[in-house]
Amino acid sequence: APALLRSLRPAASVGVLHVVRPIHTSQQ
């Protein structure tokens, strides 16, 4: 598994989207 993950890391890192979600999603 670690070798497979290392081989997929560059391809996976290209399409990764970092989504930042706020802590409070509802109105106060």
PDB file of all heavy atoms in Angstrom:
ATOM      1  N   ALA A   1       0.808  -1.221   0.000  1.00  0.00           N
ATOM      2  CA  ALA A   1       0.000   0.000   0.000  1.00  0.00           C
ATOM      3  C   ALA A   1       0.839   1.269   0.000  1.00  0.00           C
ATOM      4  O   ALA A   1       0.551   2.207  -0.746  1.00  0.00           O
ATOM      5  CB  ALA A   1      -0.953  -0.014   1.186  1.00  0.00           C
ATOM      6  N   PRO A   2       1.943   1.389   0.810  1.00  0.00           N
ATOM      7  CA  PRO A   2       2.713   2.652   0.761  1.00  0.00           C
ATOM      8  C   PRO A   2       3.318   2.937  -0.596  1.00  0.00           C
ATOM      9  O   PRO A   2       3.327   4.090  -1.043  1.00  0.00           O
ATOM     10  CB  PRO A   2       3.789   2.432   1.829  1.00  0.00           C
ATOM     11  CG  PRO A   2       3.207   1.439   2.752  1.00  0.00           C
ATOM     12  CD  PRO A   2       2.400   0.518   1.886  1.00  0.00           C
ATOM     13  N   ALA A   3       3.833   1.902  -1.276  1.00  0.00           N
ATOM     14  CA  ALA A   3       4.395   2.122  -2.605  1.00  0.00           C
ATOM     15  C   ALA A   3       3.346   2.590  -3.592  1.00  0.00           C
ATOM     16  O   ALA A   3       3.584   3.470  -4.429  1.00  0.00           O
ATOM     17  CB  ALA A   3       5.053   0.828  -3.105  1.00  0.00           C
ATOM     18  N   LEU A   4       2.142   2.008  -3.503  1.00  0.00           N
ATOM     19  CA  LEU A   4       1.065   2.430  -4.393  1.00  0.00           C
ATOM     20  C   LEU A   4       0.652   3.877  -4.129  1.00  0.00           C
ATOM     21  O   LEU A   4       0.401   4.656  -5.051  1.00  0.00           O
ATOM     22  CB  LEU A   4      -0.131   1.490  -4.209  1.00  0.00           C
ATOM     23  CG  LEU A   4      -1.360   1.760  -5.094  1.00  0.00           C
ATOM     24  CD1 LEU A   4      -0.981   1.636  -6.568  1.00  0.00           C
ATOM     25  CD2 LEU A   4      -2.489   0.789  -4.752  1.00  0.00           C
ATOM     26  N   LEU A   5       0.628   4.247  -2.866  1.00  0.00           N
ATOM     27  CA  LEU A   5       0.279   5.628  -2.535  1.00  0.00           C
ATOM     28  C   LEU A   5       1.324   6.617  -3.014  1.00  0.00           C
ATOM     29  O   LEU A   5       1.012   7.715  -3.479  1.00  0.00           O
ATOM     30  CB  LEU A   5       0.069   5.780  -1.015  1.00  0.00           C
ATOM     31  CG  LEU A   5      -1.174   5.061  -0.445  1.00  0.00           C
ATOM     32  CD1 LEU A   5      -1.195   5.171   1.062  1.00  0.00           C
ATOM     33  CD2 LEU A   5      -2.451   5.619  -1.054  1.00  0.00           C
ATOM     34  N   ARG A   6       2.621   6.227  -2.908  1.00  0.00           N
ATOM     35  CA  ARG A   6       3.678   7.123  -3.400  1.00  0.00           C
ATOM     36  C   ARG A   6       3.599   7.303  -4.907  1.00  0.00           C
ATOM     37  O   ARG A   6       3.872   8.372  -5.430  1.00  0.00           O
ATOM     38  CB  ARG A   6       5.050   6.567  -2.991  1.00  0.00           C
ATOM     39  CG  ARG A   6       5.393   6.807  -1.527  1.00  0.00           C
ATOM     40  CD  ARG A   6       6.876   6.570  -1.286  1.00  0.00           C
ATOM     41  NE  ARG A   6       7.244   5.187  -1.558  1.00  0.00           N
ATOM     42  CZ  ARG A   6       7.212   4.212  -0.648  1.00  0.00           C
ATOM     43  NH1 ARG A   6       6.799   4.473   0.592  1.00  0.00           N
ATOM     44  NH2 ARG A   6       7.567   2.985  -0.967  1.00  0.00           N
ATOM     45  N   SER A   7       3.202   6.224  -5.604  1.00  0.00           N
ATOM     46  CA  SER A   7       3.080   6.340  -7.056  1.00  0.00           C
ATOM     47  C   SER A   7       1.905   7.200  -7.473  1.00  0.00           C
ATOM     48  O   SER A   7       1.910   7.834  -8.520  1.00  0.00           O
ATOM     49  CB  SER A   7       2.949   4.938  -7.692  1.00  0.00           C
ATOM     50  OG  SER A   7       1.747   4.323  -7.228  1.00  0.00           O
ATOM     51  N   LEU A   8       0.862   7.237  -6.666  1.00  0.00           N
ATOM     52  CA  LEU A   8      -0.332   8.032  -6.997  1.00  0.00           C
ATOM     53  C   LEU A   8      -0.305   9.437  -6.430  1.00  0.00           C
ATOM     54  O   LEU A   8      -1.160  10.239  -6.753  1.00  0.00           O
ATOM     55  CB  LEU A   8      -1.580   7.307  -6.477  1.00  0.00           C
ATOM     56  CG  LEU A   8      -1.908   5.953  -7.141  1.00  0.00           C
ATOM     57  CD1 LEU A   8      -3.105   5.329  -6.450  1.00  0.00           C
ATOM     58  CD2 LEU A   8      -2.152   6.114  -8.634  1.00  0.00           C
ATOM     59  N   ARG A   9       0.713   9.753  -5.632  1.00  0.00           N
ATOM     60  CA  ARG A   9       0.704  11.058  -4.963  1.00  0.00           C
ATOM     61  C   ARG A   9       0.778  12.230  -5.920  1.00  0.00           C
ATOM     62  O   ARG A   9       0.004  13.185  -5.792  1.00  0.00           O
ATOM     63  CB  ARG A   9       1.824  11.119  -3.927  1.00  0.00           C
ATOM     64  CG  ARG A   9       1.809  12.394  -3.080  1.00  0.00           C
ATOM     65  CD  ARG A   9       2.882  12.309  -2.028  1.00  0.00           C
ATOM     66  NE  ARG A   9       2.615  11.186  -1.131  1.00  0.00           N
ATOM     67  CZ  ARG A   9       3.499  10.772  -0.222  1.00  0.00           C
ATOM     68  NH1 ARG A   9       4.685  11.357  -0.113  1.00  0.00           N
ATOM     69  NH2 ARG A   9       3.206   9.764   0.572  1.00  0.00           N
ATOM     70  N   PRO A  10       1.671  12.285  -6.946  1.00  0.00           N
ATOM     71  CA  PRO A  10       1.704  13.462  -7.830  1.00  0.00           C
ATOM     72  C   PRO A  10       0.428  13.671  -8.591  1.00  0.00           C
ATOM     73  O   PRO A  10      -0.052  14.790  -8.720  1.00  0.00           O
ATOM     74  CB  PRO A  10       2.885  13.162  -8.751  1.00  0.00           C
ATOM     75  CG  PRO A  10       3.720  12.202  -7.999  1.00  0.00           C
ATOM     76  CD  PRO A  10       2.776  11.349  -7.242  1.00  0.00           C
ATOM     77  N   ALA A  11      -0.142  12.558  -9.111  1.00  0.00           N
ATOM     78  CA  ALA A  11      -1.385  12.715  -9.867  1.00  0.00           C
ATOM     79  C   ALA A  11      -2.522  13.177  -8.982  1.00  0.00           C
ATOM     80  O   ALA A  11      -3.390  13.941  -9.381  1.00  0.00           O
ATOM     81  CB  ALA A  11      -1.748  11.399 -10.555  1.00  0.00           C
ATOM     82  N   ALA A  12      -2.511  12.659  -7.760  1.00  0.00           N
ATOM     83  CA  ALA A  12      -3.604  13.038  -6.859  1.00  0.00           C
ATOM     84  C   ALA A  12      -3.473  14.460  -6.371  1.00  0.00           C
ATOM     85  O   ALA A  12      -4.459  15.141  -6.149  1.00  0.00           O
ATOM     86  CB  ALA A  12      -3.649  12.086  -5.668  1.00  0.00           C
ATOM     87  N   SER A  13      -2.197  14.917  -6.248  1.00  0.00           N
ATOM     88  CA  SER A  13      -2.015  16.265  -5.732  1.00  0.00           C
ATOM     89  C   SER A  13      -2.377  17.330  -6.736  1.00  0.00           C
ATOM     90  O   SER A  13      -2.632  18.468  -6.382  1.00  0.00           O
ATOM     91  CB  SER A  13      -0.545  16.453  -5.302  1.00  0.00           C
ATOM     92  OG  SER A  13       0.299  16.299  -6.430  1.00  0.00           O
ATOM     93  N   VAL A  14      -2.401  16.930  -8.065  1.00  0.00           N
ATOM     94  CA  VAL A  14      -2.745  17.934  -9.065  1.00  0.00           C
ATOM     95  C   VAL A  14      -4.221  18.299  -8.988  1.00  0.00           C
ATOM     96  O   VAL A  14      -4.603  19.446  -9.134  1.00  0.00           O
ATOM     97  CB  VAL A  14      -2.379  17.396 -10.475  1.00  0.00           C
ATOM     98  CG1 VAL A  14      -2.854  18.374 -11.543  1.00  0.00           C
ATOM     99  CG2 VAL A  14      -0.887  17.184 -10.570  1.00  0.00           C
ATOM    100  N   GLY A  15      -5.051  17.295  -8.770  1.00  0.00           N
ATOM    101  CA  GLY A  15      -6.497  17.554  -8.782  1.00  0.00           C
ATOM    102  C   GLY A  15      -7.109  17.788  -7.426  1.00  0.00           C
ATOM    103  O   GLY A  15      -8.338  17.813  -7.309  1.00  0.00           O
ATOM    104  N   VAL A  16      -6.292  17.911  -6.376  1.00  0.00           N
ATOM    105  CA  VAL A  16      -6.843  18.107  -5.037  1.00  0.00           C
ATOM    106  C   VAL A  16      -7.286  19.548  -4.875  1.00  0.00           C
ATOM    107  O   VAL A  16      -6.570  20.479  -5.233  1.00  0.00           O
ATOM    108  CB  VAL A  16      -5.803  17.733  -3.962  1.00  0.00           C
ATOM    109  CG1 VAL A  16      -6.338  18.128  -2.582  1.00  0.00           C
ATOM    110  CG2 VAL A  16      -5.539  16.243  -4.023  1.00  0.00           C
ATOM    111  N   LEU A  17      -8.466  19.732  -4.371  1.00  0.00           N
ATOM    112  CA  LEU A  17      -8.998  21.058  -4.084  1.00  0.00           C
ATOM    113  C   LEU A  17      -9.122  21.208  -2.571  1.00  0.00           C
ATOM    114  O   LEU A  17      -9.766  20.387  -1.916  1.00  0.00           O
ATOM    115  CB  LEU A  17     -10.368  21.259  -4.745  1.00  0.00           C
ATOM    116  CG  LEU A  17     -10.374  21.241  -6.286  1.00  0.00           C
ATOM    117  CD1 LEU A  17     -11.808  21.355  -6.778  1.00  0.00           C
ATOM    118  CD2 LEU A  17      -9.522  22.351  -6.833  1.00  0.00           C
ATOM    119  N   HIS A  18      -8.483  22.210  -2.073  1.00  0.00           N
ATOM    120  CA  HIS A  18      -8.547  22.466  -0.635  1.00  0.00           C
ATOM    121  C   HIS A  18      -9.756  23.350  -0.359  1.00  0.00           C
ATOM    122  O   HIS A  18      -9.782  24.518  -0.755  1.00  0.00           O
ATOM    123  CB  HIS A  18      -7.266  23.156  -0.149  1.00  0.00           C
ATOM    124  CG  HIS A  18      -6.050  22.303  -0.350  1.00  0.00           C
ATOM    125  ND1 HIS A  18      -5.714  21.269   0.487  1.00  0.00           N
ATOM    126  CD2 HIS A  18      -5.104  22.326  -1.336  1.00  0.00           C
ATOM    127  CE1 HIS A  18      -4.606  20.702   0.077  1.00  0.00           C
ATOM    128  NE2 HIS A  18      -4.219  21.314  -1.044  1.00  0.00           N
ATOM    129  N   VAL A  19     -10.715  22.776   0.262  1.00  0.00           N
ATOM    130  CA  VAL A  19     -11.955  23.493   0.574  1.00  0.00           C
ATOM    131  C   VAL A  19     -11.949  23.845   2.055  1.00  0.00           C
ATOM    132  O   VAL A  19     -11.794  22.967   2.907  1.00  0.00           O
ATOM    133  CB  VAL A  19     -13.194  22.633   0.240  1.00  0.00           C
ATOM    134  CG1 VAL A  19     -14.468  23.391   0.596  1.00  0.00           C
ATOM    135  CG2 VAL A  19     -13.173  22.250  -1.228  1.00  0.00           C
ATOM    136  N   VAL A  20     -12.054  25.105   2.306  1.00  0.00           N
ATOM    137  CA  VAL A  20     -12.085  25.587   3.689  1.00  0.00           C
ATOM    138  C   VAL A  20     -13.532  25.858   4.064  1.00  0.00           C
ATOM    139  O   VAL A  20     -14.196  26.688   3.450  1.00  0.00           O
ATOM    140  CB  VAL A  20     -11.234  26.862   3.857  1.00  0.00           C
ATOM    141  CG1 VAL A  20     -11.309  27.344   5.290  1.00  0.00           C
ATOM    142  CG2 VAL A  20      -9.798  26.583   3.432  1.00  0.00           C
ATOM    143  N   ARG A  21     -13.994  25.125   5.030  1.00  0.00           N
ATOM    144  CA  ARG A  21     -15.368  25.292   5.492  1.00  0.00           C
ATOM    145  C   ARG A  21     -15.379  26.060   6.813  1.00  0.00           C
ATOM    146  O   ARG A  21     -14.565  25.797   7.677  1.00  0.00           O
ATOM    147  CB  ARG A  21     -16.045  23.927   5.681  1.00  0.00           C
ATOM    148  CG  ARG A  21     -16.219  23.164   4.371  1.00  0.00           C
ATOM    149  CD  ARG A  21     -16.956  21.860   4.629  1.00  0.00           C
ATOM    150  NE  ARG A  21     -17.139  21.135   3.375  1.00  0.00           N
ATOM    151  CZ  ARG A  21     -17.762  19.950   3.305  1.00  0.00           C
ATOM    152  NH1 ARG A  21     -18.247  19.385   4.418  1.00  0.00           N
ATOM    153  NH2 ARG A  21     -17.894  19.351   2.147  1.00  0.00           N
ATOM    154  N   PRO A  22     -16.274  26.979   6.911  1.00  0.00           N
ATOM    155  CA  PRO A  22     -16.351  27.685   8.205  1.00  0.00           C
ATOM    156  C   PRO A  22     -16.861  26.767   9.290  1.00  0.00           C
ATOM    157  O   PRO A  22     -17.544  25.773   9.036  1.00  0.00           O
ATOM    158  CB  PRO A  22     -17.343  28.826   7.925  1.00  0.00           C
ATOM    159  CG  PRO A  22     -18.190  28.332   6.798  1.00  0.00           C
ATOM    160  CD  PRO A  22     -17.272  27.466   5.951  1.00  0.00           C
ATOM    161  N   ILE A  23     -16.488  27.118  10.513  1.00  0.00           N
ATOM    162  CA  ILE A  23     -16.915  26.300  11.649  1.00  0.00           C
ATOM    163  C   ILE A  23     -18.426  26.436  11.862  1.00  0.00           C
ATOM    164  O   ILE A  23     -19.127  25.444  12.037  1.00  0.00           O
ATOM    165  CB  ILE A  23     -16.150  26.716  12.914  1.00  0.00           C
ATOM    166  CG1 ILE A  23     -14.654  26.427  12.708  1.00  0.00           C
ATOM    167  CG2 ILE A  23     -16.660  25.957  14.130  1.00  0.00           C
ATOM    168  CD1 ILE A  23     -13.793  26.901  13.849  1.00  0.00           C
ATOM    169  N   HIS A  24     -18.920  27.687  11.802  1.00  0.00           N
ATOM    170  CA  HIS A  24     -20.347  27.922  11.998  1.00  0.00           C
ATOM    171  C   HIS A  24     -21.003  28.016  10.625  1.00  0.00           C
ATOM    172  O   HIS A  24     -20.853  29.009   9.917  1.00  0.00           O
ATOM    173  CB  HIS A  24     -20.585  29.210  12.783  1.00  0.00           C
ATOM    174  CG  HIS A  24     -19.955  29.179  14.149  1.00  0.00           C
ATOM    175  ND1 HIS A  24     -20.489  28.461  15.196  1.00  0.00           N
ATOM    176  CD2 HIS A  24     -18.827  29.760  14.620  1.00  0.00           C
ATOM    177  CE1 HIS A  24     -19.728  28.608  16.262  1.00  0.00           C
ATOM    178  NE2 HIS A  24     -18.716  29.388  15.933  1.00  0.00           N
ATOM    179  N   THR A  25     -21.694  26.962  10.224  1.00  0.00           N
ATOM    180  CA  THR A  25     -22.354  26.958   8.919  1.00  0.00           C
ATOM    181  C   THR A  25     -23.751  27.544   8.970  1.00  0.00           C
ATOM    182  O   THR A  25     -24.316  27.868   7.934  1.00  0.00           O
ATOM    183  CB  THR A  25     -22.432  25.516   8.385  1.00  0.00           C
ATOM    184  OG1 THR A  25     -23.134  24.712   9.343  1.00  0.00           O
ATOM    185  CG2 THR A  25     -21.042  24.949   8.162  1.00  0.00           C
ATOM    186  N   SER A  26     -24.317  27.664  10.149  1.00  0.00           N
ATOM    187  CA  SER A  26     -25.667  28.210  10.282  1.00  0.00           C
ATOM    188  C   SER A  26     -25.598  29.607  10.883  1.00  0.00           C
ATOM    189  O   SER A  26     -24.607  30.007  11.472  1.00  0.00           O
ATOM    190  CB  SER A  26     -26.531  27.304  11.166  1.00  0.00           C
ATOM    191  OG  SER A  26     -25.986  27.221  12.469  1.00  0.00           O
ATOM    192  N   GLN A  27     -26.680  30.342  10.700  1.00  0.00           N
ATOM    193  CA  GLN A  27     -26.739  31.697  11.234  1.00  0.00           C
ATOM    194  C   GLN A  27     -26.864  31.648  12.756  1.00  0.00           C
ATOM    195  O   GLN A  27     -27.476  30.746  13.323  1.00  0.00           O
ATOM    196  CB  GLN A  27     -27.930  32.442  10.645  1.00  0.00           C
ATOM    197  CG  GLN A  27     -27.821  32.657   9.135  1.00  0.00           C
ATOM    198  CD  GLN A  27     -29.015  33.406   8.606  1.00  0.00           C
ATOM    199  OE1 GLN A  27     -29.949  33.691   9.345  1.00  0.00           O
ATOM    200  NE2 GLN A  27     -28.976  33.731   7.324  1.00  0.00           N
ATOM    201  N   GLN A  28     -26.249  32.644  13.370  1.00  0.00           N
ATOM    202  CA  GLN A  28     -26.310  32.734  14.817  1.00  0.00           C
ATOM    203  C   GLN A  28     -27.712  33.179  15.230  1.00  0.00           C
ATOM    204  O   GLN A  28     -28.261  34.142  14.704  1.00  0.00           O
ATOM    205  CB  GLN A  28     -25.268  33.721  15.332  1.00  0.00           C
ATOM    206  CG  GLN A  28     -23.846  33.282  15.050  1.00  0.00           C
ATOM    207  CD  GLN A  28     -23.475  32.038  15.824  1.00  0.00           C
ATOM    208  OE1 GLN A  28     -23.930  31.864  16.943  1.00  0.00           O
ATOM    209  NE2 GLN A  28     -22.673  31.179  15.220  1.00  0.00           N
TER     210      GLN A  28
END
